[in-house]
Amino acid sequence: MAQIFSPLPGTFYRSSSPDKPPYKSDGDAVLAGDVIGLIEVMKSFHEVRSETGGANIRFVVDNEEPVMAGAPLADID
């Protein structure tokens, strides 16, 4: 199992806007380099990319949840 961590403190978003589908949903396969969400810091959005691939992603934070730098965002099997 691998984890994806927040690179910055801010608000985690699973999609690019409220009317768009999430980048990844629980159970999706993930490739290294895939965008799994965004961290918003003071109106600036930063992509969160997976450093590893796997067959199953499980998010451990909710959409629009505040996160600290280094906090786990998702697990990958």
N, C-alpha and C. Protein backbone atom coordinates (compact mmCIF):
# COMPACT_ATOMS: atom_id res chain seq x y z
N MET A 1 0.84 -1.18 0.00
CA MET A 1 0.00 0.00 0.00
C MET A 1 0.88 1.24 0.00
N ALA A 2 0.45 2.26 -0.71
CA ALA A 2 1.13 3.55 -0.75
C ALA A 2 0.13 4.63 -0.34
N GLN A 3 0.65 5.76 0.10
CA GLN A 3 -0.22 6.88 0.45
C GLN A 3 0.15 8.10 -0.36
N ILE A 4 -0.84 8.95 -0.60
CA ILE A 4 -0.62 10.25 -1.23
C ILE A 4 -0.84 11.29 -0.15
N PHE A 5 0.12 12.20 0.00
CA PHE A 5 0.08 13.20 1.05
C PHE A 5 -0.13 14.59 0.47
N SER A 6 -0.70 15.46 1.27
CA SER A 6 -0.90 16.85 0.86
C SER A 6 0.44 17.57 0.83
N PRO A 7 0.78 18.21 -0.30
CA PRO A 7 2.04 18.94 -0.36
C PRO A 7 1.99 20.29 0.35
N LEU A 8 0.77 20.79 0.60
CA LEU A 8 0.58 22.13 1.17
C LEU A 8 -0.60 22.13 2.14
N PRO A 9 -0.65 23.08 3.05
CA PRO A 9 -1.87 23.25 3.84
C PRO A 9 -2.90 24.00 2.99
N GLY A 10 -4.15 23.62 3.12
CA GLY A 10 -5.20 24.29 2.36
C GLY A 10 -6.46 23.47 2.34
N THR A 11 -7.27 23.66 1.31
CA THR A 11 -8.53 22.94 1.15
C THR A 11 -8.38 21.95 0.01
N PHE A 12 -8.76 20.69 0.25
CA PHE A 12 -8.65 19.64 -0.76
C PHE A 12 -9.93 19.56 -1.58
N TYR A 13 -9.77 19.56 -2.90
CA TYR A 13 -10.90 19.41 -3.82
C TYR A 13 -10.65 18.19 -4.70
N ARG A 14 -11.68 17.36 -4.87
CA ARG A 14 -11.53 16.15 -5.69
C ARG A 14 -11.84 16.39 -7.16
N SER A 15 -12.36 17.58 -7.52
CA SER A 15 -12.63 17.91 -8.92
C SER A 15 -12.19 19.35 -9.19
N SER A 16 -12.11 19.70 -10.46
CA SER A 16 -11.63 21.04 -10.84
C SER A 16 -12.68 22.12 -10.62
N SER A 17 -13.96 21.75 -10.55
CA SER A 17 -15.04 22.68 -10.23
C SER A 17 -16.26 21.86 -9.79
N PRO A 18 -17.22 22.50 -9.11
CA PRO A 18 -18.36 21.75 -8.59
C PRO A 18 -19.18 21.00 -9.64
N ASP A 19 -19.19 21.49 -10.88
CA ASP A 19 -19.98 20.84 -11.93
C ASP A 19 -19.19 19.82 -12.74
N LYS A 20 -17.96 19.55 -12.37
CA LYS A 20 -17.11 18.57 -13.07
C LYS A 20 -17.02 17.29 -12.24
N PRO A 21 -16.83 16.14 -12.91
CA PRO A 21 -16.65 14.89 -12.16
C PRO A 21 -15.32 14.90 -11.42
N PRO A 22 -15.19 14.08 -10.36
CA PRO A 22 -13.92 14.02 -9.63
C PRO A 22 -12.81 13.47 -10.52
N TYR A 23 -11.57 13.89 -10.23
CA TYR A 23 -10.43 13.35 -10.97
C TYR A 23 -10.38 11.84 -10.81
N LYS A 24 -10.54 11.36 -9.58
CA LYS A 24 -10.56 9.93 -9.28
C LYS A 24 -11.63 9.68 -8.23
N SER A 25 -12.25 8.49 -8.31
CA SER A 25 -13.23 8.07 -7.31
C SER A 25 -12.69 6.87 -6.57
N ASP A 26 -13.20 6.61 -5.37
CA ASP A 26 -12.80 5.43 -4.62
C ASP A 26 -12.95 4.19 -5.51
N GLY A 27 -11.91 3.37 -5.53
CA GLY A 27 -11.93 2.14 -6.33
C GLY A 27 -11.29 2.27 -7.70
N ASP A 28 -11.01 3.50 -8.15
CA ASP A 28 -10.39 3.71 -9.47
C ASP A 28 -8.93 3.26 -9.46
N ALA A 29 -8.46 2.83 -10.62
CA ALA A 29 -7.03 2.57 -10.81
C ALA A 29 -6.31 3.91 -10.96
N VAL A 30 -5.05 3.95 -10.55
CA VAL A 30 -4.26 5.17 -10.60
C VAL A 30 -2.91 4.85 -11.22
N LEU A 31 -2.45 5.73 -12.10
CA LEU A 31 -1.12 5.62 -12.68
C LEU A 31 -0.22 6.68 -12.05
N ALA A 32 1.06 6.42 -12.01
CA ALA A 32 2.00 7.43 -11.54
C ALA A 32 1.85 8.69 -12.38
N GLY A 33 1.72 9.83 -11.74
CA GLY A 33 1.56 11.10 -12.44
C GLY A 33 0.12 11.55 -12.60
N ASP A 34 -0.86 10.67 -12.29
CA ASP A 34 -2.27 11.05 -12.39
C ASP A 34 -2.61 12.14 -11.36
N VAL A 35 -3.41 13.12 -11.78
CA VAL A 35 -3.93 14.12 -10.86
C VAL A 35 -5.07 13.47 -10.09
N ILE A 36 -5.02 13.57 -8.76
CA ILE A 36 -6.09 12.99 -7.94
C ILE A 36 -6.93 14.07 -7.26
N GLY A 37 -6.47 15.32 -7.31
CA GLY A 37 -7.22 16.40 -6.70
C GLY A 37 -6.43 17.69 -6.74
N LEU A 38 -6.99 18.70 -6.07
CA LEU A 38 -6.37 20.02 -6.01
C LEU A 38 -6.30 20.47 -4.56
N ILE A 39 -5.27 21.24 -4.23
CA ILE A 39 -5.18 21.92 -2.95
C ILE A 39 -5.29 23.42 -3.25
N GLU A 40 -6.26 24.07 -2.60
CA GLU A 40 -6.44 25.51 -2.78
C GLU A 40 -5.82 26.23 -1.59
N VAL A 41 -4.94 27.16 -1.91
CA VAL A 41 -4.28 27.98 -0.90
C VAL A 41 -4.43 29.43 -1.34
N MET A 42 -5.20 30.21 -0.60
CA MET A 42 -5.38 31.64 -0.89
C MET A 42 -5.74 31.88 -2.36
N LYS A 43 -6.75 31.18 -2.84
CA LYS A 43 -7.29 31.33 -4.20
C LYS A 43 -6.36 30.82 -5.30
N SER A 44 -5.30 30.12 -4.91
CA SER A 44 -4.39 29.51 -5.87
C SER A 44 -4.55 27.99 -5.77
N PHE A 45 -4.71 27.33 -6.92
CA PHE A 45 -4.97 25.89 -6.94
C PHE A 45 -3.72 25.13 -7.40
N HIS A 46 -3.36 24.08 -6.66
CA HIS A 46 -2.18 23.28 -6.94
C HIS A 46 -2.60 21.83 -7.15
N GLU A 47 -2.20 21.24 -8.28
CA GLU A 47 -2.53 19.85 -8.56
C GLU A 47 -1.81 18.91 -7.59
N VAL A 48 -2.52 17.87 -7.17
CA VAL A 48 -1.92 16.81 -6.38
C VAL A 48 -1.83 15.59 -7.30
N ARG A 49 -0.61 15.13 -7.53
CA ARG A 49 -0.38 13.98 -8.42
C ARG A 49 0.10 12.78 -7.62
N SER A 50 -0.29 11.61 -8.10
CA SER A 50 0.16 10.37 -7.48
C SER A 50 1.59 10.09 -7.91
N GLU A 51 2.43 9.71 -6.97
CA GLU A 51 3.82 9.36 -7.31
C GLU A 51 3.96 7.89 -7.69
N THR A 52 2.91 7.11 -7.45
CA THR A 52 2.94 5.68 -7.73
C THR A 52 1.61 5.26 -8.33
N GLY A 53 1.59 4.09 -8.94
CA GLY A 53 0.36 3.56 -9.52
C GLY A 53 -0.20 2.45 -8.66
N GLY A 54 -1.46 2.11 -8.91
CA GLY A 54 -2.09 1.02 -8.18
C GLY A 54 -3.47 0.73 -8.74
N ALA A 55 -4.05 -0.36 -8.27
CA ALA A 55 -5.33 -0.83 -8.81
C ALA A 55 -6.52 -0.20 -8.10
N ASN A 56 -6.32 0.40 -6.92
CA ASN A 56 -7.45 0.85 -6.13
C ASN A 56 -7.05 2.05 -5.28
N ILE A 57 -7.77 3.17 -5.45
CA ILE A 57 -7.52 4.35 -4.61
C ILE A 57 -8.68 4.49 -3.63
N ARG A 58 -8.34 4.85 -2.40
CA ARG A 58 -9.34 5.11 -1.36
C ARG A 58 -8.99 6.44 -0.70
N PHE A 59 -9.91 7.40 -0.80
CA PHE A 59 -9.67 8.71 -0.21
C PHE A 59 -9.92 8.66 1.29
N VAL A 60 -9.06 9.33 2.05
CA VAL A 60 -9.20 9.38 3.51
C VAL A 60 -9.63 10.76 3.98
N VAL A 61 -9.81 11.70 3.04
CA VAL A 61 -10.36 13.03 3.35
C VAL A 61 -11.53 13.28 2.41
N ASP A 62 -12.46 14.10 2.85
CA ASP A 62 -13.62 14.44 2.05
C ASP A 62 -13.33 15.62 1.14
N ASN A 63 -14.16 15.76 0.10
CA ASN A 63 -14.08 16.92 -0.78
C ASN A 63 -14.32 18.18 0.05
N GLU A 64 -13.54 19.22 -0.24
CA GLU A 64 -13.62 20.53 0.41
C GLU A 64 -13.21 20.49 1.88
N GLU A 65 -12.45 19.47 2.26
CA GLU A 65 -11.99 19.36 3.65
C GLU A 65 -10.65 20.09 3.81
N PRO A 66 -10.48 20.88 4.89
CA PRO A 66 -9.19 21.50 5.14
C PRO A 66 -8.16 20.43 5.51
N VAL A 67 -6.94 20.60 5.00
CA VAL A 67 -5.86 19.65 5.28
C VAL A 67 -4.60 20.41 5.64
N MET A 68 -3.72 19.74 6.37
CA MET A 68 -2.42 20.30 6.71
C MET A 68 -1.37 19.71 5.75
N ALA A 69 -0.27 20.38 5.59
CA ALA A 69 0.84 19.84 4.78
C ALA A 69 1.28 18.52 5.40
N GLY A 70 1.45 17.51 4.57
CA GLY A 70 1.89 16.20 5.03
C GLY A 70 0.76 15.28 5.45
N ALA A 71 -0.48 15.77 5.47
CA ALA A 71 -1.61 14.94 5.85
C ALA A 71 -1.92 13.93 4.74
N PRO A 72 -2.26 12.68 5.07
CA PRO A 72 -2.62 11.72 4.04
C PRO A 72 -3.94 12.10 3.37
N LEU A 73 -3.97 12.00 2.05
CA LEU A 73 -5.19 12.29 1.28
C LEU A 73 -5.85 11.01 0.79
N ALA A 74 -5.04 10.02 0.41
CA ALA A 74 -5.58 8.79 -0.16
C ALA A 74 -4.59 7.64 0.02
N ASP A 75 -5.14 6.43 0.03
CA ASP A 75 -4.36 5.20 0.03
C ASP A 75 -4.48 4.54 -1.33
N ILE A 76 -3.41 3.91 -1.79
CA ILE A 76 -3.42 3.19 -3.07
C ILE A 76 -2.95 1.77 -2.83
N ASP A 77 -3.70 0.79 -3.34
CA ASP A 77 -3.30 -0.62 -3.28
C ASP A 77 -2.63 -1.01 -4.58
